[in-house]
Amino acid sequence: MKNENNLRLPVSFKPSVMLILIFLLFASSVNLFAQNDKMMMNKEKMMMMMKKLKDMAPAKGYIKAHKDVQEPLELLGGPIRININQDGGKVYVALPDKRRLDPQVFGTPEMPMKFAGTPGITGVPLMARDVENDKYTVMNMPTPFGDKHITMDNGSLEIEAFDITATDGAMTKDKVKLIASWEDKDGNKYEVRCCEMLAAHGMEFPTFGGVVTNHILHGFTGIGTPLMPSEFTYFAFWGMGAVLKNGEILDKPRLVHGMLTEYVRTEGYKLAFDDEVTPTAQQFHLMVAPFKPVMDQDTFEKAPVKTGFKLPNGMELPFWHVMFESLKIDSEREQ
């Protein structure tokens, strides 16, 4: 027996409903495809923009002139031996943070500076900068360079290095042996070792054969990220090394950068602007950045580091930026 209370549409009305449904489905599909096309176009546009920025890295020409030199000249005055040590004590570990942008380094929205190169390596693109009152304020994404940090204990640092080669080249006589470690509150030991191979030449900025002494780096210089302040650097190196936790290798090979510099932290351990650097104190920075070199393109690509250290949100810290301050330093010219 049929239920007379069932809702029935007039026969003449059913095709209209079907047409409407088909139209809505078609319109939704067209809109979805349009959104996908737009996303693809935005992605392609972004990739093209990133390539242009990388190609604009200011030191590209200089590096090209040096990278195939088989016998680069040595330092004027002869080789320098460097020994740096820390035996115990505290280290400062940087956490992801939005770096405040120094107007002396980055300029203004009307006259921007330091935007060319791989973002975070040699430049900060304009779309990555927040603006307020016609001034740049912060980089709008987390970086290894900022004010947030924690401390860890049992910091150990052993460095023996030689600065022999003066400039970039295909070969280098520079040498670095580094073993650095520190422990978290649970007793886990984190370690970085370097350098099986030095970066004899740079890709977006020079490396001076892998080791450089008595030079200004970062900030306005174009040598290294401008997210660090301009700082006189007594010794620095770039080379390939390994990242370990409790004796187990987690990540290898990784590009490791270390430098003994002027003191670049202020009250509350905030990362300084150029006019806040302390010239009469020193600290050693150890960096394993979330980038890997792309050798055949002379540039860098994103590659989070396997550190083994968990952040409060459960994510793994994607870099190491560790500062040592209880230092013993010894150096001399080799005869």
C-alpha atoms as a PDB file:
ATOM      1  CA  MET A   1       0.000   0.000   0.000  1.00  0.00           C
ATOM      2  CA  LYS A   2       1.472   3.387  -0.973  1.00  0.00           C
ATOM      3  CA  ASN A   3       1.970   6.050   1.658  1.00  0.00           C
ATOM      4  CA  GLU A   4       0.032   9.044   0.384  1.00  0.00           C
ATOM      5  CA  ASN A   5       1.919  11.304   2.789  1.00  0.00           C
ATOM      6  CA  ASN A   6       5.224  10.812   0.875  1.00  0.00           C
ATOM      7  CA  LEU A   7       6.424  14.025  -0.725  1.00  0.00           C
ATOM      8  CA  ARG A   8       6.146  13.859  -4.505  1.00  0.00           C
ATOM      9  CA  LEU A   9       7.495  16.402  -6.968  1.00  0.00           C
ATOM     10  CA  PRO A  10       5.513  17.121 -10.096  1.00  0.00           C
ATOM     11  CA  VAL A  11       6.876  15.252 -13.095  1.00  0.00           C
ATOM     12  CA  SER A  12       7.434  18.543 -14.901  1.00  0.00           C
ATOM     13  CA  PHE A  13       9.614  19.794 -12.019  1.00  0.00           C
ATOM     14  CA  LYS A  14      12.071  16.885 -11.769  1.00  0.00           C
ATOM     15  CA  PRO A  15      14.188  17.695 -14.839  1.00  0.00           C
ATOM     16  CA  SER A  16      14.609  21.261 -13.583  1.00  0.00           C
ATOM     17  CA  VAL A  17      15.961  19.993 -10.271  1.00  0.00           C
ATOM     18  CA  MET A  18      18.321  17.655 -12.082  1.00  0.00           C
ATOM     19  CA  LEU A  19      19.567  20.487 -14.288  1.00  0.00           C
ATOM     20  CA  ILE A  20      20.201  22.669 -11.245  1.00  0.00           C
ATOM     21  CA  LEU A  21      22.106  19.887  -9.492  1.00  0.00           C
ATOM     22  CA  ILE A  22      24.195  19.230 -12.599  1.00  0.00           C
ATOM     23  CA  PHE A  23      24.901  22.938 -12.968  1.00  0.00           C
ATOM     24  CA  LEU A  24      25.945  23.252  -9.317  1.00  0.00           C
ATOM     25  CA  LEU A  25      28.182  20.201  -9.604  1.00  0.00           C
ATOM     26  CA  PHE A  26      29.733  21.560 -12.800  1.00  0.00           C
ATOM     27  CA  ALA A  27      30.223  24.990 -11.254  1.00  0.00           C
ATOM     28  CA  SER A  28      31.864  23.460  -8.189  1.00  0.00           C
ATOM     29  CA  SER A  29      34.195  21.419 -10.384  1.00  0.00           C
ATOM     30  CA  VAL A  30      35.109  24.446 -12.466  1.00  0.00           C
ATOM     31  CA  ASN A  31      35.769  26.444  -9.298  1.00  0.00           C
ATOM     32  CA  LEU A  32      37.924  23.630  -7.872  1.00  0.00           C
ATOM     33  CA  PHE A  33      39.935  23.382 -11.086  1.00  0.00           C
ATOM     34  CA  ALA A  34      40.318  27.152 -11.137  1.00  0.00           C
ATOM     35  CA  GLN A  35      41.592  27.124  -7.555  1.00  0.00           C
ATOM     36  CA  ASN A  36      44.031  24.325  -8.370  1.00  0.00           C
ATOM     37  CA  ASP A  37      45.231  26.192 -11.458  1.00  0.00           C
ATOM     38  CA  LYS A  38      45.662  29.330  -9.389  1.00  0.00           C
ATOM     39  CA  MET A  39      47.601  27.411  -6.742  1.00  0.00           C
ATOM     40  CA  MET A  40      49.799  25.871  -9.439  1.00  0.00           C
ATOM     41  CA  MET A  41      50.390  29.287 -11.005  1.00  0.00           C
ATOM     42  CA  ASN A  42      51.214  30.781  -7.588  1.00  0.00           C
ATOM     43  CA  LYS A  43      53.606  27.928  -6.867  1.00  0.00           C
ATOM     44  CA  GLU A  44      55.294  28.282 -10.254  1.00  0.00           C
ATOM     45  CA  LYS A  45      55.478  32.060  -9.810  1.00  0.00           C
ATOM     46  CA  MET A  46      56.994  31.605  -6.358  1.00  0.00           C
ATOM     47  CA  MET A  47      59.566  29.113  -7.655  1.00  0.00           C
ATOM     48  CA  MET A  48      60.529  31.482 -10.474  1.00  0.00           C
ATOM     49  CA  MET A  49      60.868  34.324  -7.982  1.00  0.00           C
ATOM     50  CA  MET A  50      63.056  32.200  -5.691  1.00  0.00           C
ATOM     51  CA  LYS A  51      65.293  31.287  -8.626  1.00  0.00           C
ATOM     52  CA  LYS A  52      65.673  34.950  -9.568  1.00  0.00           C
ATOM     53  CA  LEU A  53      66.551  35.843  -5.973  1.00  0.00           C
ATOM     54  CA  LYS A  54      69.162  33.086  -5.830  1.00  0.00           C
ATOM     55  CA  ASP A  55      70.630  34.196  -9.157  1.00  0.00           C
ATOM     56  CA  MET A  56      70.907  37.728  -7.736  1.00  0.00           C
ATOM     57  CA  ALA A  57      73.175  36.677  -4.846  1.00  0.00           C
ATOM     58  CA  PRO A  58      75.763  39.497  -4.934  1.00  0.00           C
ATOM     59  CA  ALA A  59      78.908  37.344  -4.661  1.00  0.00           C
ATOM     60  CA  LYS A  60      78.082  34.988  -7.567  1.00  0.00           C
ATOM     61  CA  GLY A  61      80.577  36.638  -9.925  1.00  0.00           C
ATOM     62  CA  TYR A  62      83.394  36.705  -7.375  1.00  0.00           C
ATOM     63  CA  ILE A  63      82.897  33.034  -6.552  1.00  0.00           C
ATOM     64  CA  LYS A  64      82.828  32.093 -10.237  1.00  0.00           C
ATOM     65  CA  ALA A  65      86.224  33.718 -10.698  1.00  0.00           C
ATOM     66  CA  HIS A  66      87.744  31.669  -7.863  1.00  0.00           C
ATOM     67  CA  LYS A  67      86.047  28.258  -7.757  1.00  0.00           C
ATOM     68  CA  ASP A  68      88.330  26.561 -10.326  1.00  0.00           C
ATOM     69  CA  VAL A  69      91.627  27.955  -9.031  1.00  0.00           C
ATOM     70  CA  GLN A  70      93.880  24.957  -8.379  1.00  0.00           C
ATOM     71  CA  GLU A  71      96.570  26.769  -6.380  1.00  0.00           C
ATOM     72  CA  PRO A  72      95.015  29.657  -4.431  1.00  0.00           C
ATOM     73  CA  LEU A  73      97.512  31.947  -2.720  1.00  0.00           C
ATOM     74  CA  GLU A  74      98.269  31.718   0.982  1.00  0.00           C
ATOM     75  CA  LEU A  75      97.681  34.297   3.707  1.00  0.00           C
ATOM     76  CA  LEU A  76      99.917  37.342   3.739  1.00  0.00           C
ATOM     77  CA  GLY A  77     102.289  36.826   6.658  1.00  0.00           C
ATOM     78  CA  GLY A  78     101.824  33.066   6.825  1.00  0.00           C
ATOM     79  CA  PRO A  79      99.438  30.477   8.354  1.00  0.00           C
ATOM     80  CA  ILE A  80      97.553  31.041  11.608  1.00  0.00           C
ATOM     81  CA  ARG A  81      96.937  28.235  14.128  1.00  0.00           C
ATOM     82  CA  ILE A  82      93.769  28.493  16.256  1.00  0.00           C
ATOM     83  CA  ASN A  83      92.821  26.488  19.363  1.00  0.00           C
ATOM     84  CA  ILE A  84      89.493  27.107  21.139  1.00  0.00           C
ATOM     85  CA  ASN A  85      88.193  25.072  24.088  1.00  0.00           C
ATOM     86  CA  GLN A  86      85.367  24.953  26.607  1.00  0.00           C
ATOM     87  CA  ASP A  87      85.431  22.316  29.326  1.00  0.00           C
ATOM     88  CA  GLY A  88      82.008  22.116  30.964  1.00  0.00           C
ATOM     89  CA  GLY A  89      79.561  24.821  31.867  1.00  0.00           C
ATOM     90  CA  LYS A  90      76.514  26.253  30.188  1.00  0.00           C
ATOM     91  CA  VAL A  91      75.683  26.683  26.510  1.00  0.00           C
ATOM     92  CA  TYR A  92      72.898  28.731  24.953  1.00  0.00           C
ATOM     93  CA  VAL A  93      70.702  26.986  22.378  1.00  0.00           C
ATOM     94  CA  ALA A  94      68.656  29.116  19.995  1.00  0.00           C
ATOM     95  CA  LEU A  95      65.012  28.192  19.367  1.00  0.00           C
ATOM     96  CA  PRO A  96      62.905  29.049  16.295  1.00  0.00           C
ATOM     97  CA  ASP A  97      61.977  32.717  16.410  1.00  0.00           C
ATOM     98  CA  LYS A  98      60.929  35.603  14.176  1.00  0.00           C
ATOM     99  CA  ARG A  99      64.052  37.722  13.848  1.00  0.00           C
ATOM    100  CA  ARG A 100      63.675  41.449  14.437  1.00  0.00           C
ATOM    101  CA  LEU A 101      64.938  43.325  11.362  1.00  0.00           C
ATOM    102  CA  ASP A 102      67.641  45.956  11.808  1.00  0.00           C
ATOM    103  CA  PRO A 103      66.848  49.006   9.605  1.00  0.00           C
ATOM    104  CA  GLN A 104      70.587  49.635   9.133  1.00  0.00           C
ATOM    105  CA  VAL A 105      70.885  46.221   7.459  1.00  0.00           C
ATOM    106  CA  PHE A 106      67.501  45.749   5.762  1.00  0.00           C
ATOM    107  CA  GLY A 107      66.597  49.327   4.864  1.00  0.00           C
ATOM    108  CA  THR A 108      62.983  50.461   4.530  1.00  0.00           C
ATOM    109  CA  PRO A 109      60.005  49.389   2.370  1.00  0.00           C
ATOM    110  CA  GLU A 110      60.807  52.370   0.130  1.00  0.00           C
ATOM    111  CA  MET A 111      64.505  51.456  -0.128  1.00  0.00           C
ATOM    112  CA  PRO A 112      64.922  47.763   0.814  1.00  0.00           C
ATOM    113  CA  MET A 113      68.314  46.099   1.190  1.00  0.00           C
ATOM    114  CA  LYS A 114      69.594  42.525   1.557  1.00  0.00           C
ATOM    115  CA  PHE A 115      66.795  40.738  -0.309  1.00  0.00           C
ATOM    116  CA  ALA A 116      68.848  38.791  -2.897  1.00  0.00           C
ATOM    117  CA  GLY A 117      70.035  35.205  -2.500  1.00  0.00           C
ATOM    118  CA  THR A 118      68.550  32.107  -0.916  1.00  0.00           C
ATOM    119  CA  PRO A 119      66.067  33.288   1.752  1.00  0.00           C
ATOM    120  CA  GLY A 120      67.705  32.985   5.165  1.00  0.00           C
ATOM    121  CA  ILE A 121      71.154  32.261   3.725  1.00  0.00           C
ATOM    122  CA  THR A 122      72.177  35.520   2.048  1.00  0.00           C
ATOM    123  CA  GLY A 123      68.951  37.515   1.914  1.00  0.00           C
ATOM    124  CA  VAL A 124      65.434  38.036   3.221  1.00  0.00           C
ATOM    125  CA  PRO A 125      62.831  38.466   0.439  1.00  0.00           C
ATOM    126  CA  LEU A 126      60.397  41.336   0.799  1.00  0.00           C
ATOM    127  CA  MET A 127      57.365  39.042   1.150  1.00  0.00           C
ATOM    128  CA  ALA A 128      59.002  37.512   4.242  1.00  0.00           C
ATOM    129  CA  ARG A 129      59.103  40.870   6.061  1.00  0.00           C
ATOM    130  CA  ASP A 130      56.344  42.349   8.215  1.00  0.00           C
ATOM    131  CA  VAL A 131      55.825  46.102   7.913  1.00  0.00           C
ATOM    132  CA  GLU A 132      54.416  48.572  10.437  1.00  0.00           C
ATOM    133  CA  ASN A 133      54.487  52.379  10.282  1.00  0.00           C
ATOM    134  CA  ASP A 134      56.493  52.246   7.046  1.00  0.00           C
ATOM    135  CA  LYS A 135      59.235  50.223   8.749  1.00  0.00           C
ATOM    136  CA  TYR A 136      60.270  46.583   8.644  1.00  0.00           C
ATOM    137  CA  THR A 137      59.581  44.872  11.957  1.00  0.00           C
ATOM    138  CA  VAL A 138      60.284  41.116  11.907  1.00  0.00           C
ATOM    139  CA  MET A 139      60.820  38.275   9.486  1.00  0.00           C
ATOM    140  CA  ASN A 140      57.356  36.712   9.351  1.00  0.00           C
ATOM    141  CA  MET A 141      58.523  33.114   9.713  1.00  0.00           C
ATOM    142  CA  PRO A 142      60.653  31.340  12.345  1.00  0.00           C
ATOM    143  CA  THR A 143      64.416  31.269  11.825  1.00  0.00           C
ATOM    144  CA  PRO A 144      67.461  30.036  13.803  1.00  0.00           C
ATOM    145  CA  PHE A 145      68.220  33.697  14.574  1.00  0.00           C
ATOM    146  CA  GLY A 146      66.209  35.467  17.228  1.00  0.00           C
ATOM    147  CA  ASP A 147      65.735  36.098  20.914  1.00  0.00           C
ATOM    148  CA  LYS A 148      64.232  32.762  22.022  1.00  0.00           C
ATOM    149  CA  HIS A 149      66.640  30.299  23.587  1.00  0.00           C
ATOM    150  CA  ILE A 150      67.212  27.733  26.299  1.00  0.00           C
ATOM    151  CA  THR A 151      70.320  26.739  28.211  1.00  0.00           C
ATOM    152  CA  MET A 152      71.893  23.292  28.367  1.00  0.00           C
ATOM    153  CA  ASP A 153      74.708  21.961  30.540  1.00  0.00           C
ATOM    154  CA  ASN A 154      78.057  20.175  30.229  1.00  0.00           C
ATOM    155  CA  GLY A 155      79.100  22.153  27.208  1.00  0.00           C
ATOM    156  CA  SER A 156      82.310  20.894  25.655  1.00  0.00           C
ATOM    157  CA  LEU A 157      84.189  22.433  22.737  1.00  0.00           C
ATOM    158  CA  GLU A 158      87.465  21.371  21.160  1.00  0.00           C
ATOM    159  CA  ILE A 159      88.756  23.131  18.052  1.00  0.00           C
ATOM    160  CA  GLU A 160      92.106  22.896  16.347  1.00  0.00           C
ATOM    161  CA  ALA A 161      92.281  24.821  13.082  1.00  0.00           C
ATOM    162  CA  PHE A 162      94.723  26.295  10.576  1.00  0.00           C
ATOM    163  CA  ASP A 163      94.040  29.275   8.317  1.00  0.00           C
ATOM    164  CA  ILE A 164      96.529  28.877   5.453  1.00  0.00           C
ATOM    165  CA  THR A 165      94.683  29.541   2.190  1.00  0.00           C
ATOM    166  CA  ALA A 166      93.686  33.156   1.608  1.00  0.00           C
ATOM    167  CA  THR A 167      90.889  32.918  -0.966  1.00  0.00           C
ATOM    168  CA  ASP A 168      88.272  30.600  -2.386  1.00  0.00           C
ATOM    169  CA  GLY A 169      89.500  27.975  -4.819  1.00  0.00           C
ATOM    170  CA  ALA A 170      89.111  24.428  -6.057  1.00  0.00           C
ATOM    171  CA  MET A 171      91.650  23.318  -3.420  1.00  0.00           C
ATOM    172  CA  THR A 172      92.506  24.466   0.101  1.00  0.00           C
ATOM    173  CA  LYS A 173      95.218  23.915   2.692  1.00  0.00           C
ATOM    174  CA  ASP A 174      92.973  25.094   5.529  1.00  0.00           C
ATOM    175  CA  LYS A 175      92.204  22.558   8.278  1.00  0.00           C
ATOM    176  CA  VAL A 176      89.585  22.213  11.047  1.00  0.00           C
ATOM    177  CA  LYS A 177      88.983  19.568  13.673  1.00  0.00           C
ATOM    178  CA  LEU A 178      85.924  20.255  15.848  1.00  0.00           C
ATOM    179  CA  ILE A 179      84.176  18.184  18.499  1.00  0.00           C
ATOM    180  CA  ALA A 180      81.336  19.959  20.331  1.00  0.00           C
ATOM    181  CA  SER A 181      78.752  18.533  22.730  1.00  0.00           C
ATOM    182  CA  TRP A 182      76.118  19.534  25.298  1.00  0.00           C
ATOM    183  CA  GLU A 183      73.416  17.800  27.367  1.00  0.00           C
ATOM    184  CA  ASP A 184      69.709  18.418  27.933  1.00  0.00           C
ATOM    185  CA  LYS A 185      67.960  18.179  31.307  1.00  0.00           C
ATOM    186  CA  ASP A 186      67.293  14.457  30.774  1.00  0.00           C
ATOM    187  CA  GLY A 187      70.971  13.705  30.253  1.00  0.00           C
ATOM    188  CA  ASN A 188      70.833  13.214  26.489  1.00  0.00           C
ATOM    189  CA  LYS A 189      74.129  14.156  24.857  1.00  0.00           C
ATOM    190  CA  TYR A 190      74.066  16.072  21.575  1.00  0.00           C
ATOM    191  CA  GLU A 191      77.191  16.365  19.472  1.00  0.00           C
ATOM    192  CA  VAL A 192      78.525  17.942  16.283  1.00  0.00           C
ATOM    193  CA  ARG A 193      81.763  16.832  14.652  1.00  0.00           C
ATOM    194  CA  CYS A 194      83.588  18.485  11.775  1.00  0.00           C
ATOM    195  CA  CYS A 195      85.251  18.678   9.298  1.00  0.00           C
ATOM    196  CA  GLU A 196      85.819  15.729   6.991  1.00  0.00           C
ATOM    197  CA  MET A 197      85.924  18.242   4.149  1.00  0.00           C
ATOM    198  CA  LEU A 198      86.070  22.024   4.177  1.00  0.00           C
ATOM    199  CA  ALA A 199      84.070  24.258   1.843  1.00  0.00           C
ATOM    200  CA  ALA A 200      87.045  25.319  -0.290  1.00  0.00           C
ATOM    201  CA  HIS A 201      84.831  27.801  -2.119  1.00  0.00           C
ATOM    202  CA  GLY A 202      81.470  29.332  -1.387  1.00  0.00           C
ATOM    203  CA  MET A 203      78.292  29.318  -3.440  1.00  0.00           C
ATOM    204  CA  GLU A 204      76.461  32.527  -2.569  1.00  0.00           C
ATOM    205  CA  PHE A 205      79.230  34.088  -0.491  1.00  0.00           C
ATOM    206  CA  PRO A 206      82.974  33.411  -0.194  1.00  0.00           C
ATOM    207  CA  THR A 207      84.441  30.978   2.359  1.00  0.00           C
ATOM    208  CA  PHE A 208      88.127  31.947   1.945  1.00  0.00           C
ATOM    209  CA  GLY A 209      89.210  28.336   1.512  1.00  0.00           C
ATOM    210  CA  GLY A 210      87.033  27.094   4.360  1.00  0.00           C
ATOM    211  CA  VAL A 211      88.665  29.051   7.189  1.00  0.00           C
ATOM    212  CA  VAL A 212      88.841  32.819   7.636  1.00  0.00           C
ATOM    213  CA  THR A 213      90.446  34.916  10.367  1.00  0.00           C
ATOM    214  CA  ASN A 214      90.119  38.582  11.344  1.00  0.00           C
ATOM    215  CA  HIS A 215      87.226  39.573   9.112  1.00  0.00           C
ATOM    216  CA  ILE A 216      83.737  41.089   9.480  1.00  0.00           C
ATOM    217  CA  LEU A 217      80.915  38.634   8.651  1.00  0.00           C
ATOM    218  CA  HIS A 218      77.112  38.711   8.379  1.00  0.00           C
ATOM    219  CA  GLY A 219      74.944  41.825   8.691  1.00  0.00           C
ATOM    220  CA  PHE A 220      75.790  44.389   6.007  1.00  0.00           C
ATOM    221  CA  THR A 221      78.740  42.378   4.603  1.00  0.00           C
ATOM    222  CA  GLY A 222      76.923  39.863   2.396  1.00  0.00           C
ATOM    223  CA  ILE A 223      79.112  37.083   3.843  1.00  0.00           C
ATOM    224  CA  GLY A 224      76.613  34.774   5.516  1.00  0.00           C
ATOM    225  CA  THR A 225      73.068  35.547   6.583  1.00  0.00           C
ATOM    226  CA  PRO A 226      72.147  39.200   7.291  1.00  0.00           C
ATOM    227  CA  LEU A 227      69.869  37.884  10.055  1.00  0.00           C
ATOM    228  CA  MET A 228      72.961  37.846  12.268  1.00  0.00           C
ATOM    229  CA  PRO A 229      74.363  41.273  13.111  1.00  0.00           C
ATOM    230  CA  SER A 230      77.531  42.573  11.478  1.00  0.00           C
ATOM    231  CA  GLU A 231      80.273  41.194  13.732  1.00  0.00           C
ATOM    232  CA  PHE A 232      84.037  41.185  13.735  1.00  0.00           C
ATOM    233  CA  THR A 233      84.997  37.537  13.429  1.00  0.00           C
ATOM    234  CA  TYR A 234      88.327  36.403  14.798  1.00  0.00           C
ATOM    235  CA  PHE A 235      87.940  32.924  13.310  1.00  0.00           C
ATOM    236  CA  ALA A 236      85.281  31.156  11.250  1.00  0.00           C
ATOM    237  CA  PHE A 237      84.943  28.005   9.179  1.00  0.00           C
ATOM    238  CA  TRP A 238      82.540  26.171   6.865  1.00  0.00           C
ATOM    239  CA  GLY A 239      82.795  22.420   6.361  1.00  0.00           C
ATOM    240  CA  MET A 240      80.990  19.090   6.180  1.00  0.00           C
ATOM    241  CA  GLY A 241      80.336  17.240   9.426  1.00  0.00           C
ATOM    242  CA  ALA A 242      77.964  15.017  11.384  1.00  0.00           C
ATOM    243  CA  VAL A 243      75.179  15.464  13.957  1.00  0.00           C
ATOM    244  CA  LEU A 244      74.914  12.892  16.768  1.00  0.00           C
ATOM    245  CA  LYS A 245      72.721  12.066  19.774  1.00  0.00           C
ATOM    246  CA  ASN A 246      74.001   9.775  22.533  1.00  0.00           C
ATOM    247  CA  GLY A 247      76.792   8.610  20.248  1.00  0.00           C
ATOM    248  CA  GLU A 248      74.523   7.718  17.326  1.00  0.00           C
ATOM    249  CA  ILE A 249      74.907   9.571  14.033  1.00  0.00           C
ATOM    250  CA  LEU A 250      71.556  11.148  13.136  1.00  0.00           C
ATOM    251  CA  ASP A 251      72.498  13.295  10.146  1.00  0.00           C
ATOM    252  CA  LYS A 252      75.520  13.209   7.847  1.00  0.00           C
ATOM    253  CA  PRO A 253      76.899  14.968   5.883  1.00  0.00           C
ATOM    254  CA  ARG A 254      75.740  18.379   7.063  1.00  0.00           C
ATOM    255  CA  LEU A 255      77.198  21.821   6.403  1.00  0.00           C
ATOM    256  CA  VAL A 256      78.628  23.096   9.698  1.00  0.00           C
ATOM    257  CA  HIS A 257      79.555  26.734  10.343  1.00  0.00           C
ATOM    258  CA  GLY A 258      81.397  27.968  13.395  1.00  0.00           C
ATOM    259  CA  MET A 259      82.751  31.389  14.336  1.00  0.00           C
ATOM    260  CA  LEU A 260      84.449  33.204  17.187  1.00  0.00           C
ATOM    261  CA  THR A 261      83.032  36.724  17.192  1.00  0.00           C
ATOM    262  CA  GLU A 262      82.343  39.906  19.082  1.00  0.00           C
ATOM    263  CA  TYR A 263      79.513  39.514  21.604  1.00  0.00           C
ATOM    264  CA  VAL A 264      76.157  39.930  19.855  1.00  0.00           C
ATOM    265  CA  ARG A 265      73.624  39.383  22.650  1.00  0.00           C
ATOM    266  CA  THR A 266      71.994  42.095  24.747  1.00  0.00           C
ATOM    267  CA  GLU A 267      69.917  42.207  27.947  1.00  0.00           C
ATOM    268  CA  GLY A 268      67.666  39.150  28.161  1.00  0.00           C
ATOM    269  CA  TYR A 269      69.964  37.441  25.641  1.00  0.00           C
ATOM    270  CA  LYS A 270      68.261  39.209  22.754  1.00  0.00           C
ATOM    271  CA  LEU A 271      70.082  39.047  19.437  1.00  0.00           C
ATOM    272  CA  ALA A 272      71.628  42.465  18.885  1.00  0.00           C
ATOM    273  CA  PHE A 273      71.247  44.997  16.104  1.00  0.00           C
ATOM    274  CA  ASP A 274      74.511  46.349  14.681  1.00  0.00           C
ATOM    275  CA  ASP A 275      74.626  49.319  17.076  1.00  0.00           C
ATOM    276  CA  GLU A 276      74.239  46.998  20.098  1.00  0.00           C
ATOM    277  CA  VAL A 277      77.254  44.720  19.464  1.00  0.00           C
ATOM    278  CA  THR A 278      79.787  44.521  22.334  1.00  0.00           C
ATOM    279  CA  PRO A 279      83.301  44.772  20.823  1.00  0.00           C
ATOM    280  CA  THR A 280      85.175  43.898  24.049  1.00  0.00           C
ATOM    281  CA  ALA A 281      83.677  40.439  24.661  1.00  0.00           C
ATOM    282  CA  GLN A 282      83.663  37.209  22.631  1.00  0.00           C
ATOM    283  CA  GLN A 283      81.502  34.147  22.051  1.00  0.00           C
ATOM    284  CA  PHE A 284      81.639  31.107  19.795  1.00  0.00           C
ATOM    285  CA  HIS A 285      78.658  30.251  17.577  1.00  0.00           C
ATOM    286  CA  LEU A 286      78.095  26.750  16.225  1.00  0.00           C
ATOM    287  CA  MET A 287      75.527  26.498  13.434  1.00  0.00           C
ATOM    288  CA  VAL A 288      74.083  23.529  11.577  1.00  0.00           C
ATOM    289  CA  ALA A 289      71.496  25.309   9.428  1.00  0.00           C
ATOM    290  CA  PRO A 290      68.274  23.814   7.965  1.00  0.00           C
ATOM    291  CA  PHE A 291      69.722  24.098   4.450  1.00  0.00           C
ATOM    292  CA  LYS A 292      71.876  21.882   2.285  1.00  0.00           C
ATOM    293  CA  PRO A 293      74.187  22.993  -0.526  1.00  0.00           C
ATOM    294  CA  VAL A 294      73.170  22.162  -4.103  1.00  0.00           C
ATOM    295  CA  MET A 295      76.628  21.824  -5.557  1.00  0.00           C
ATOM    296  CA  ASP A 296      75.759  21.742  -9.257  1.00  0.00           C
ATOM    297  CA  GLN A 297      73.684  24.937  -8.930  1.00  0.00           C
ATOM    298  CA  ASP A 298      75.927  26.860  -6.512  1.00  0.00           C
ATOM    299  CA  THR A 299      73.006  27.497  -4.184  1.00  0.00           C
ATOM    300  CA  PHE A 300      71.092  26.041  -1.223  1.00  0.00           C
ATOM    301  CA  GLU A 301      67.807  24.239  -0.590  1.00  0.00           C
ATOM    302  CA  LYS A 302      65.742  23.714   2.557  1.00  0.00           C
ATOM    303  CA  ALA A 303      66.639  20.573   4.521  1.00  0.00           C
ATOM    304  CA  PRO A 304      65.741  20.384   8.242  1.00  0.00           C
ATOM    305  CA  VAL A 305      68.487  18.940  10.441  1.00  0.00           C
ATOM    306  CA  LYS A 306      67.829  15.705  12.325  1.00  0.00           C
ATOM    307  CA  THR A 307      68.830  16.953  15.762  1.00  0.00           C
ATOM    308  CA  GLY A 308      66.911  14.472  17.916  1.00  0.00           C
ATOM    309  CA  PHE A 309      65.811  17.283  20.250  1.00  0.00           C
ATOM    310  CA  LYS A 310      62.066  17.700  20.754  1.00  0.00           C
ATOM    311  CA  LEU A 311      60.494  21.120  21.190  1.00  0.00           C
ATOM    312  CA  PRO A 312      57.602  21.651  23.646  1.00  0.00           C
ATOM    313  CA  ASN A 313      55.120  21.342  20.751  1.00  0.00           C
ATOM    314  CA  GLY A 314      56.454  17.848  19.962  1.00  0.00           C
ATOM    315  CA  MET A 315      58.251  18.921  16.789  1.00  0.00           C
ATOM    316  CA  GLU A 316      61.944  18.234  16.282  1.00  0.00           C
ATOM    317  CA  LEU A 317      64.274  21.234  16.457  1.00  0.00           C
ATOM    318  CA  PRO A 318      65.269  21.610  12.760  1.00  0.00           C
ATOM    319  CA  PHE A 319      68.704  23.203  13.336  1.00  0.00           C
ATOM    320  CA  TRP A 320      71.454  23.669  15.877  1.00  0.00           C
ATOM    321  CA  HIS A 321      72.548  27.205  16.754  1.00  0.00           C
ATOM    322  CA  VAL A 322      74.582  26.829  19.937  1.00  0.00           C
ATOM    323  CA  MET A 323      76.628  29.495  21.684  1.00  0.00           C
ATOM    324  CA  PHE A 324      79.653  28.787  23.898  1.00  0.00           C
ATOM    325  CA  GLU A 325      80.941  31.525  26.207  1.00  0.00           C
ATOM    326  CA  SER A 326      83.338  29.952  28.759  1.00  0.00           C
ATOM    327  CA  LEU A 327      86.190  29.880  26.299  1.00  0.00           C
ATOM    328  CA  LYS A 328      89.943  29.350  26.345  1.00  0.00           C
ATOM    329  CA  ILE A 329      91.503  30.767  23.178  1.00  0.00           C
ATOM    330  CA  ASP A 330      95.017  30.381  21.867  1.00  0.00           C
ATOM    331  CA  SER A 331      96.409  31.316  18.454  1.00  0.00           C
ATOM    332  CA  GLU A 332      99.682  32.208  16.762  1.00  0.00           C
ATOM    333  CA  ARG A 333     101.365  32.669  13.410  1.00  0.00           C
ATOM    334  CA  GLU A 334     103.093  29.536  12.215  1.00  0.00           C
ATOM    335  CA  GLN A 335     106.671  30.058  11.058  1.00  0.00           C
END
